Amino acid sequence: MYPRIGSHHGNPAVTAGRASSFHHAAPPASPAAGLGIRVAVKPEYRITPPPQFIPQMGDIPRSNFQFDFDFERKVLAELEKESPDWSRLGLENLPSRSSEAPPPSGPAGDPIINKYISSGLSREAVPLAVANYGDNPTKVREFVNGYTRLREMGFSSGSIAEALVKNNNNMDEALAYFLNSSS
């Protein structure tokens, strides 16, 4: 009823048309079987092979760093204490909690300092900024931003305040002051 592939029985026009279209596209996969279809892909649809790596580059080394989560938990637990004992962890150089947050002046605290702290500025830097510049919002913000960045670099609180005040809150000049004074 239906023509078979490779067969020349049935409608000669259909069979001849199919046979010729298959055979001119590609010869059979196996001459013994006489069957098979070969597909030709147009050049614009071909995928190019991946680029070859430079031989001297070799394999990229994998990191074997193992993060110590237990140590991190101990550090965080120690930080929560009223008076952290960093020597237990071998971290003697970390600042104590008392140097990070100076006590507010007076029973309710200074309203000027509270204003800046409530606006999101650093509790550690605002009292120093207000002590040097009073209620000058521009100068206080400049000081606090520079102070925070220098503190993150590991400089001590007192020396940061001195360097920023001497250099009119210019963080780059304050950093240069640190680098020149340490040599």
N, C-alpha and C. Protein backbone atom coordinates (compact mmCIF):
# COMPACT_ATOMS: atom_id res chain seq x y z
N MET A 1 0.81 -1.18 0.00
CA MET A 1 0.00 0.00 0.00
C MET A 1 0.87 1.27 0.00
N TYR A 2 1.78 1.39 0.98
CA TYR A 2 2.69 2.53 0.99
C TYR A 2 4.01 2.13 0.35
N PRO A 3 4.66 3.05 -0.34
CA PRO A 3 5.94 2.68 -0.95
C PRO A 3 7.01 2.50 0.13
N ARG A 4 7.89 1.57 -0.07
CA ARG A 4 8.98 1.33 0.87
C ARG A 4 10.21 2.11 0.41
N ILE A 5 10.99 2.56 1.38
CA ILE A 5 12.22 3.30 1.06
C ILE A 5 13.17 2.33 0.38
N GLY A 6 13.75 2.79 -0.69
CA GLY A 6 14.68 1.97 -1.44
C GLY A 6 13.97 1.05 -2.42
N SER A 7 12.68 1.08 -2.41
CA SER A 7 11.90 0.22 -3.29
C SER A 7 11.54 1.00 -4.54
N HIS A 8 11.46 0.32 -5.66
CA HIS A 8 11.05 0.98 -6.90
C HIS A 8 9.67 0.51 -7.32
N HIS A 9 8.89 -0.05 -6.35
CA HIS A 9 7.53 -0.47 -6.66
C HIS A 9 6.58 0.66 -6.39
N GLY A 10 5.42 0.63 -6.94
CA GLY A 10 4.41 1.66 -6.72
C GLY A 10 4.49 2.70 -7.81
N ASN A 11 4.12 3.91 -7.48
CA ASN A 11 4.09 5.01 -8.43
C ASN A 11 5.52 5.37 -8.82
N PRO A 12 5.86 5.17 -10.07
CA PRO A 12 7.24 5.43 -10.49
C PRO A 12 7.63 6.89 -10.36
N ALA A 13 6.70 7.84 -10.50
CA ALA A 13 7.05 9.26 -10.42
C ALA A 13 7.42 9.62 -8.97
N VAL A 14 6.59 9.13 -8.03
CA VAL A 14 6.85 9.44 -6.62
C VAL A 14 8.11 8.73 -6.18
N THR A 15 8.21 7.46 -6.49
CA THR A 15 9.36 6.67 -6.08
C THR A 15 10.63 7.23 -6.70
N ALA A 16 10.59 7.58 -7.95
CA ALA A 16 11.77 8.11 -8.62
C ALA A 16 12.13 9.47 -8.05
N GLY A 17 11.10 10.30 -7.78
CA GLY A 17 11.36 11.62 -7.22
C GLY A 17 11.99 11.51 -5.84
N ARG A 18 11.47 10.62 -5.01
CA ARG A 18 12.02 10.46 -3.67
C ARG A 18 13.42 9.86 -3.74
N ALA A 19 13.56 8.87 -4.51
CA ALA A 19 14.85 8.20 -4.59
C ALA A 19 15.91 9.16 -5.09
N SER A 20 15.56 9.93 -6.12
CA SER A 20 16.56 10.83 -6.65
C SER A 20 16.88 11.95 -5.66
N SER A 21 15.87 12.42 -4.91
CA SER A 21 16.16 13.50 -3.97
C SER A 21 17.02 12.98 -2.83
N PHE A 22 16.80 11.74 -2.37
CA PHE A 22 17.63 11.19 -1.31
C PHE A 22 19.02 10.90 -1.81
N HIS A 23 19.13 10.34 -2.98
CA HIS A 23 20.44 9.93 -3.47
C HIS A 23 21.29 11.09 -3.91
N HIS A 24 20.68 12.16 -4.40
CA HIS A 24 21.55 13.26 -4.80
C HIS A 24 22.00 14.05 -3.57
N ALA A 25 21.21 14.01 -2.46
CA ALA A 25 21.62 14.70 -1.25
C ALA A 25 22.75 13.95 -0.59
N ALA A 26 22.66 12.62 -0.57
CA ALA A 26 23.71 11.84 0.06
C ALA A 26 23.55 10.40 -0.34
N PRO A 27 24.65 9.70 -0.47
CA PRO A 27 24.57 8.27 -0.79
C PRO A 27 24.15 7.48 0.45
N PRO A 28 23.73 6.25 0.30
CA PRO A 28 23.33 5.44 1.45
C PRO A 28 24.48 5.29 2.43
N ALA A 29 24.12 5.12 3.76
CA ALA A 29 25.13 5.02 4.80
C ALA A 29 25.98 3.77 4.62
N SER A 30 25.37 2.68 4.23
CA SER A 30 26.11 1.43 4.05
C SER A 30 25.75 0.86 2.68
N PRO A 31 26.72 0.64 1.82
CA PRO A 31 26.39 0.13 0.49
C PRO A 31 25.73 -1.24 0.56
N ALA A 32 26.04 -2.03 1.58
CA ALA A 32 25.45 -3.36 1.67
C ALA A 32 23.96 -3.28 2.01
N ALA A 33 23.59 -2.36 2.89
CA ALA A 33 22.19 -2.25 3.31
C ALA A 33 21.37 -1.55 2.24
N GLY A 34 21.96 -0.56 1.60
CA GLY A 34 21.24 0.18 0.59
C GLY A 34 20.27 1.19 1.18
N LEU A 35 20.31 1.37 2.49
CA LEU A 35 19.41 2.31 3.17
C LEU A 35 20.22 3.37 3.89
N GLY A 36 19.57 4.45 4.24
CA GLY A 36 20.19 5.49 5.04
C GLY A 36 20.00 6.85 4.42
N ILE A 37 20.04 7.84 5.27
CA ILE A 37 19.89 9.21 4.81
C ILE A 37 21.05 10.01 5.37
N ARG A 38 21.62 10.75 4.53
CA ARG A 38 22.71 11.61 4.96
C ARG A 38 22.20 13.05 4.89
N VAL A 39 22.42 13.79 5.97
CA VAL A 39 21.94 15.16 6.04
C VAL A 39 23.10 16.10 5.79
N ALA A 40 22.87 17.06 4.94
CA ALA A 40 23.89 18.07 4.67
C ALA A 40 23.45 19.36 5.36
N VAL A 41 24.35 19.98 6.15
CA VAL A 41 24.06 21.22 6.86
C VAL A 41 24.71 22.35 6.08
N LYS A 42 23.92 23.39 5.81
CA LYS A 42 24.45 24.53 5.09
C LYS A 42 25.55 25.19 5.92
N PRO A 43 26.55 25.76 5.29
CA PRO A 43 27.69 26.36 6.03
C PRO A 43 27.26 27.44 7.03
N GLU A 44 26.23 28.23 6.70
CA GLU A 44 25.83 29.30 7.62
C GLU A 44 25.19 28.77 8.91
N TYR A 45 24.80 27.49 8.92
CA TYR A 45 24.19 26.90 10.12
C TYR A 45 25.15 25.99 10.87
N ARG A 46 26.36 25.86 10.40
CA ARG A 46 27.33 25.00 11.08
C ARG A 46 27.90 25.69 12.31
N ILE A 47 28.17 24.91 13.33
CA ILE A 47 28.75 25.44 14.56
C ILE A 47 30.26 25.29 14.45
N THR A 48 30.95 26.38 14.75
CA THR A 48 32.40 26.32 14.70
C THR A 48 32.92 25.61 15.94
N PRO A 49 34.03 24.93 15.85
CA PRO A 49 34.58 24.25 17.03
C PRO A 49 35.03 25.27 18.06
N PRO A 50 35.04 24.90 19.35
CA PRO A 50 35.47 25.85 20.38
C PRO A 50 36.93 26.23 20.20
N PRO A 51 37.31 27.43 20.62
CA PRO A 51 38.71 27.84 20.46
C PRO A 51 39.62 26.97 21.33
N GLN A 52 40.82 26.78 20.87
CA GLN A 52 41.79 25.98 21.61
C GLN A 52 42.47 26.85 22.67
N PHE A 53 42.73 26.26 23.84
CA PHE A 53 43.43 26.98 24.89
C PHE A 53 44.91 27.06 24.56
N ILE A 54 45.54 28.08 25.10
CA ILE A 54 46.98 28.23 24.91
C ILE A 54 47.65 27.10 25.68
N PRO A 55 48.55 26.35 25.05
CA PRO A 55 49.13 25.17 25.72
C PRO A 55 49.87 25.49 27.01
N GLN A 56 50.60 26.60 27.08
CA GLN A 56 51.36 26.90 28.28
C GLN A 56 50.48 27.35 29.43
N MET A 57 49.22 27.66 29.17
CA MET A 57 48.33 28.14 30.22
C MET A 57 47.98 27.02 31.19
N GLY A 58 47.72 25.85 30.71
CA GLY A 58 47.44 24.70 31.57
C GLY A 58 46.12 24.84 32.30
N ASP A 59 45.94 24.01 33.30
CA ASP A 59 44.72 24.05 34.10
C ASP A 59 44.76 25.21 35.08
N ILE A 60 43.61 25.78 35.33
CA ILE A 60 43.49 26.84 36.31
C ILE A 60 43.41 26.18 37.68
N PRO A 61 44.27 26.56 38.61
CA PRO A 61 44.25 25.90 39.91
C PRO A 61 42.96 26.21 40.68
N ARG A 62 42.47 25.22 41.34
CA ARG A 62 41.26 25.37 42.16
C ARG A 62 41.67 25.85 43.55
N SER A 63 40.80 26.63 44.17
CA SER A 63 41.06 27.09 45.52
C SER A 63 40.78 25.96 46.50
N ASN A 64 41.65 25.83 47.48
CA ASN A 64 41.41 24.83 48.51
C ASN A 64 41.13 25.49 49.85
N PHE A 65 40.68 26.76 49.80
CA PHE A 65 40.38 27.51 51.01
C PHE A 65 39.18 26.91 51.72
N GLN A 66 39.33 26.68 53.00
CA GLN A 66 38.25 26.16 53.82
C GLN A 66 37.89 27.23 54.85
N PHE A 67 36.69 27.77 54.75
CA PHE A 67 36.26 28.81 55.68
C PHE A 67 35.96 28.18 57.02
N ASP A 68 36.44 28.78 58.08
CA ASP A 68 36.26 28.25 59.44
C ASP A 68 35.03 28.89 60.06
N PHE A 69 33.88 28.25 59.89
CA PHE A 69 32.63 28.79 60.41
C PHE A 69 32.60 28.79 61.93
N ASP A 70 33.23 27.81 62.55
CA ASP A 70 33.26 27.78 64.03
C ASP A 70 34.01 28.98 64.57
N PHE A 71 35.13 29.33 63.95
CA PHE A 71 35.89 30.49 64.38
C PHE A 71 35.06 31.76 64.21
N GLU A 72 34.36 31.86 63.09
CA GLU A 72 33.50 33.02 62.85
C GLU A 72 32.43 33.14 63.92
N ARG A 73 31.83 32.02 64.30
CA ARG A 73 30.81 32.04 65.37
C ARG A 73 31.41 32.50 66.68
N LYS A 74 32.65 32.04 66.99
CA LYS A 74 33.30 32.46 68.24
C LYS A 74 33.57 33.96 68.24
N VAL A 75 34.02 34.48 67.09
CA VAL A 75 34.29 35.91 66.99
C VAL A 75 33.01 36.71 67.20
N LEU A 76 31.93 36.29 66.55
CA LEU A 76 30.66 37.00 66.70
C LEU A 76 30.13 36.91 68.13
N ALA A 77 30.29 35.75 68.76
CA ALA A 77 29.84 35.59 70.15
C ALA A 77 30.65 36.49 71.08
N GLU A 78 31.95 36.58 70.83
CA GLU A 78 32.81 37.42 71.66
C GLU A 78 32.46 38.89 71.47
N LEU A 79 32.11 39.26 70.26
CA LEU A 79 31.75 40.64 69.95
C LEU A 79 30.50 41.08 70.71
N GLU A 80 29.59 40.15 70.95
CA GLU A 80 28.34 40.47 71.64
C GLU A 80 28.55 40.72 73.13
N LYS A 81 29.67 40.26 73.68
CA LYS A 81 29.92 40.43 75.11
C LYS A 81 30.20 41.88 75.44
N GLU A 82 29.96 42.25 76.70
CA GLU A 82 30.20 43.62 77.15
C GLU A 82 31.69 43.97 77.07
N SER A 83 32.55 43.05 77.48
CA SER A 83 34.00 43.28 77.39
C SER A 83 34.63 42.07 76.71
N PRO A 84 34.79 42.12 75.39
CA PRO A 84 35.34 40.98 74.65
C PRO A 84 36.78 40.67 75.05
N ASP A 85 37.10 39.40 75.10
CA ASP A 85 38.45 38.95 75.40
C ASP A 85 39.04 38.34 74.14
N TRP A 86 39.67 39.20 73.32
CA TRP A 86 40.19 38.77 72.02
C TRP A 86 41.38 37.84 72.16
N SER A 87 42.05 37.88 73.31
CA SER A 87 43.22 37.02 73.48
C SER A 87 42.83 35.54 73.44
N ARG A 88 41.60 35.23 73.80
CA ARG A 88 41.14 33.84 73.72
C ARG A 88 41.15 33.34 72.28
N LEU A 89 40.93 34.25 71.35
CA LEU A 89 40.85 33.86 69.94
C LEU A 89 42.14 34.14 69.19
N GLY A 90 43.10 34.74 69.87
CA GLY A 90 44.34 35.09 69.18
C GLY A 90 44.19 36.36 68.36
N LEU A 91 43.26 37.22 68.75
CA LEU A 91 42.99 38.46 68.01
C LEU A 91 43.23 39.67 68.91
N GLU A 92 44.42 39.79 69.44
CA GLU A 92 44.71 40.84 70.41
C GLU A 92 44.61 42.24 69.82
N ASN A 93 44.76 42.40 68.53
CA ASN A 93 44.82 43.73 67.91
C ASN A 93 43.46 44.32 67.57
N LEU A 94 42.38 43.59 67.82
CA LEU A 94 41.06 44.15 67.52
C LEU A 94 40.69 45.20 68.55
N PRO A 95 39.95 46.23 68.13
CA PRO A 95 39.57 47.28 69.08
C PRO A 95 38.55 46.75 70.08
N SER A 96 38.59 47.34 71.26
CA SER A 96 37.59 46.94 72.25
C SER A 96 36.30 47.68 71.96
N ARG A 97 35.23 47.19 72.52
CA ARG A 97 33.91 47.79 72.28
C ARG A 97 33.87 49.21 72.80
N SER A 98 34.59 49.49 73.88
CA SER A 98 34.53 50.83 74.46
C SER A 98 35.14 51.88 73.54
N SER A 99 36.13 51.52 72.72
CA SER A 99 36.72 52.51 71.82
C SER A 99 35.86 52.74 70.59
N GLU A 100 34.94 51.80 70.30
CA GLU A 100 34.09 51.96 69.12
C GLU A 100 32.93 52.92 69.37
N ALA A 101 32.38 52.89 70.56
CA ALA A 101 31.20 53.71 70.84
C ALA A 101 31.46 54.57 72.07
N PRO A 102 31.89 55.80 71.88
CA PRO A 102 32.12 56.68 73.02
C PRO A 102 30.80 56.93 73.74
N PRO A 103 30.84 57.03 75.06
CA PRO A 103 29.60 57.26 75.79
C PRO A 103 29.04 58.64 75.47
N PRO A 104 27.74 58.78 75.42
CA PRO A 104 27.16 60.08 75.13
C PRO A 104 27.42 61.04 76.28
N SER A 105 27.56 62.31 75.94
CA SER A 105 27.80 63.31 76.98
C SER A 105 26.48 63.69 77.62
N GLY A 106 26.42 63.57 78.92
CA GLY A 106 25.18 63.92 79.62
C GLY A 106 24.25 62.73 79.70
N PRO A 107 23.20 62.86 80.50
CA PRO A 107 22.29 61.74 80.70
C PRO A 107 21.52 61.35 79.44
N ALA A 108 21.04 62.29 78.69
CA ALA A 108 20.24 61.98 77.50
C ALA A 108 21.08 62.06 76.24
N GLY A 109 22.36 62.46 76.35
CA GLY A 109 23.21 62.58 75.17
C GLY A 109 23.06 63.96 74.55
N ASP A 110 24.03 64.31 73.76
CA ASP A 110 24.04 65.60 73.07
C ASP A 110 23.02 65.57 71.94
N PRO A 111 22.09 66.51 71.89
CA PRO A 111 21.09 66.49 70.82
C PRO A 111 21.69 66.65 69.43
N ILE A 112 22.80 67.38 69.30
CA ILE A 112 23.44 67.54 67.99
C ILE A 112 24.02 66.20 67.54
N ILE A 113 24.72 65.52 68.45
CA ILE A 113 25.28 64.21 68.13
C ILE A 113 24.17 63.24 67.79
N ASN A 114 23.11 63.23 68.59
CA ASN A 114 21.98 62.33 68.34
C ASN A 114 21.34 62.58 66.98
N LYS A 115 21.29 63.86 66.58
CA LYS A 115 20.71 64.20 65.28
C LYS A 115 21.49 63.52 64.15
N TYR A 116 22.83 63.60 64.20
CA TYR A 116 23.65 63.00 63.15
C TYR A 116 23.62 61.47 63.21
N ILE A 117 23.65 60.93 64.40
CA ILE A 117 23.60 59.47 64.53
C ILE A 117 22.26 58.94 64.02
N SER A 118 21.18 59.63 64.34
CA SER A 118 19.86 59.17 63.88
C SER A 118 19.70 59.30 62.37
N SER A 119 20.54 60.14 61.75
CA SER A 119 20.49 60.25 60.28
C SER A 119 21.28 59.13 59.61
N GLY A 120 21.90 58.25 60.42
CA GLY A 120 22.58 57.09 59.86
C GLY A 120 24.09 57.18 59.87
N LEU A 121 24.65 58.24 60.43
CA LEU A 121 26.11 58.36 60.48
C LEU A 121 26.68 57.53 61.62
N SER A 122 27.95 57.24 61.53
CA SER A 122 28.65 56.36 62.47
C SER A 122 28.63 56.90 63.90
N ARG A 123 28.24 56.02 64.83
CA ARG A 123 28.22 56.35 66.25
C ARG A 123 29.62 56.66 66.77
N GLU A 124 30.60 56.03 66.16
CA GLU A 124 31.99 56.22 66.58
C GLU A 124 32.54 57.56 66.10
N ALA A 125 32.19 57.97 64.90
CA ALA A 125 32.81 59.15 64.29
C ALA A 125 32.08 60.46 64.60
N VAL A 126 30.78 60.41 64.78
CA VAL A 126 30.00 61.64 64.95
C VAL A 126 30.48 62.48 66.13
N PRO A 127 30.71 61.91 67.33
CA PRO A 127 31.16 62.77 68.43
C PRO A 127 32.48 63.48 68.13
N LEU A 128 33.38 62.80 67.44
CA LEU A 128 34.65 63.43 67.06
C LEU A 128 34.43 64.55 66.05
N ALA A 129 33.53 64.31 65.11
CA ALA A 129 33.24 65.32 64.08
C ALA A 129 32.61 66.55 64.71
N VAL A 130 31.65 66.34 65.59
CA VAL A 130 30.96 67.47 66.24
C VAL A 130 31.93 68.21 67.15
N ALA A 131 32.84 67.50 67.81
CA ALA A 131 33.83 68.16 68.66
C ALA A 131 34.74 69.07 67.85
N ASN A 132 35.02 68.70 66.61
CA ASN A 132 35.91 69.52 65.78
C ASN A 132 35.19 70.56 64.94
N TYR A 133 33.97 70.27 64.49
CA TYR A 133 33.30 71.17 63.54
C TYR A 133 31.96 71.71 64.03
N GLY A 134 31.52 71.31 65.20
CA GLY A 134 30.24 71.80 65.70
C GLY A 134 29.09 71.26 64.86
N ASP A 135 28.05 72.06 64.72
CA ASP A 135 26.85 71.63 63.98
C ASP A 135 26.91 72.10 62.53
N ASN A 136 27.98 71.72 61.84
CA ASN A 136 28.15 72.05 60.43
C ASN A 136 27.92 70.75 59.63
N PRO A 137 26.72 70.58 59.06
CA PRO A 137 26.38 69.30 58.42
C PRO A 137 27.36 68.86 57.34
N THR A 138 27.84 69.78 56.53
CA THR A 138 28.75 69.41 55.44
C THR A 138 30.06 68.88 56.01
N LYS A 139 30.64 69.61 56.94
CA LYS A 139 31.91 69.20 57.54
C LYS A 139 31.77 67.90 58.33
N VAL A 140 30.66 67.75 59.06
CA VAL A 140 30.45 66.54 59.85
C VAL A 140 30.35 65.33 58.92
N ARG A 141 29.58 65.45 57.85
CA ARG A 141 29.45 64.32 56.92
C ARG A 141 30.78 63.98 56.24
N GLU A 142 31.53 65.00 55.81
CA GLU A 142 32.84 64.77 55.20
C GLU A 142 33.76 64.03 56.17
N PHE A 143 33.77 64.52 57.41
CA PHE A 143 34.63 63.91 58.43
C PHE A 143 34.23 62.45 58.67
N VAL A 144 32.94 62.22 58.85
CA VAL A 144 32.47 60.86 59.15
C VAL A 144 32.77 59.91 57.99
N ASN A 145 32.54 60.35 56.76
CA ASN A 145 32.83 59.48 55.60
C ASN A 145 34.31 59.14 55.52
N GLY A 146 35.17 60.14 55.67
CA GLY A 146 36.61 59.89 55.64
C GLY A 146 37.04 59.03 56.81
N TYR A 147 36.50 59.31 57.98
CA TYR A 147 36.83 58.55 59.19
C TYR A 147 36.47 57.08 59.00
N THR A 148 35.28 56.83 58.49
CA THR A 148 34.82 55.45 58.31
C THR A 148 35.72 54.70 57.34
N ARG A 149 36.07 55.32 56.24
CA ARG A 149 36.92 54.65 55.25
C ARG A 149 38.32 54.38 55.80
N LEU A 150 38.89 55.35 56.52
CA LEU A 150 40.22 55.16 57.09
C LEU A 150 40.20 54.13 58.23
N ARG A 151 39.12 54.12 58.98
CA ARG A 151 38.97 53.13 60.06
C ARG A 151 38.92 51.72 59.48
N GLU A 152 38.22 51.57 58.35
CA GLU A 152 38.15 50.26 57.68
C GLU A 152 39.52 49.81 57.20
N MET A 153 40.41 50.76 56.95
CA MET A 153 41.77 50.42 56.53
C MET A 153 42.64 50.02 57.71
N GLY A 154 42.15 50.23 58.93
CA GLY A 154 42.87 49.76 60.10
C GLY A 154 43.60 50.82 60.90
N PHE A 155 43.43 52.08 60.56
CA PHE A 155 44.10 53.14 61.32
C PHE A 155 43.35 53.37 62.63
N SER A 156 44.08 53.89 63.63
CA SER A 156 43.47 54.10 64.95
C SER A 156 42.60 55.35 64.95
N SER A 157 41.63 55.34 65.84
CA SER A 157 40.62 56.39 65.91
C SER A 157 41.23 57.78 66.10
N GLY A 158 42.11 57.92 67.09
CA GLY A 158 42.69 59.23 67.39
C GLY A 158 43.52 59.77 66.26
N SER A 159 44.32 58.90 65.63
CA SER A 159 45.17 59.38 64.54
C SER A 159 44.35 59.73 63.30
N ILE A 160 43.24 59.06 63.10
CA ILE A 160 42.37 59.40 61.96
C ILE A 160 41.79 60.80 62.15
N ALA A 161 41.29 61.07 63.36
CA ALA A 161 40.70 62.38 63.64
C ALA A 161 41.74 63.47 63.43
N GLU A 162 42.96 63.25 63.94
CA GLU A 162 44.03 64.23 63.78
C GLU A 162 44.35 64.47 62.31
N ALA A 163 44.49 63.39 61.54
CA ALA A 163 44.85 63.51 60.12
C ALA A 163 43.75 64.21 59.33
N LEU A 164 42.49 63.88 59.60
CA LEU A 164 41.39 64.52 58.86
C LEU A 164 41.28 66.00 59.19
N VAL A 165 41.41 66.36 60.46
CA VAL A 165 41.30 67.77 60.84
C VAL A 165 42.46 68.57 60.24
N LYS A 166 43.68 68.01 60.28
CA LYS A 166 44.85 68.71 59.71
C LYS A 166 44.71 68.90 58.21
N ASN A 167 44.00 67.98 57.54
CA ASN A 167 43.91 68.02 56.08
C ASN A 167 42.52 68.41 55.58
N ASN A 168 41.76 69.12 56.40
CA ASN A 168 40.45 69.67 56.03
C ASN A 168 39.51 68.59 55.46
N ASN A 169 39.50 67.43 56.12
CA ASN A 169 38.62 66.30 55.76
C ASN A 169 38.93 65.68 54.40
N ASN A 170 40.06 65.99 53.82
CA ASN A 170 40.44 65.38 52.55
C ASN A 170 41.04 64.01 52.84
N MET A 171 40.30 62.97 52.49
CA MET A 171 40.73 61.63 52.83
C MET A 171 42.04 61.24 52.14
N ASP A 172 42.23 61.63 50.90
CA ASP A 172 43.46 61.30 50.18
C ASP A 172 44.67 61.94 50.85
N GLU A 173 44.53 63.20 51.26
CA GLU A 173 45.65 63.87 51.93
C GLU A 173 45.89 63.27 53.31
N ALA A 174 44.81 62.88 53.99
CA ALA A 174 44.96 62.23 55.30
C ALA A 174 45.67 60.89 55.15
N LEU A 175 45.34 60.15 54.11
CA LEU A 175 45.99 58.88 53.86
C LEU A 175 47.47 59.10 53.54
N ALA A 176 47.77 60.12 52.74
CA ALA A 176 49.16 60.45 52.45
C ALA A 176 49.89 60.85 53.73
N TYR A 177 49.21 61.56 54.62
CA TYR A 177 49.77 61.94 55.92
C TYR A 177 50.17 60.68 56.70
N PHE A 178 49.31 59.66 56.71
CA PHE A 178 49.62 58.40 57.40
C PHE A 178 50.82 57.72 56.76
N LEU A 179 50.81 57.64 55.46
CA LEU A 179 51.88 56.93 54.77
C LEU A 179 53.22 57.63 54.92
N ASN A 180 53.22 58.95 54.92
CA ASN A 180 54.47 59.70 55.07
C ASN A 180 54.96 59.69 56.51
N SER A 181 54.06 59.68 57.48
CA SER A 181 54.47 59.73 58.87
C SER A 181 54.94 58.37 59.38
N SER A 182 54.55 57.27 58.69
CA SER A 182 54.94 55.93 59.16
C SER A 182 56.35 55.56 58.73
N SER A 183 56.93 56.30 57.79
CA SER A 183 58.27 55.94 57.32
C SER A 183 59.34 56.64 58.10
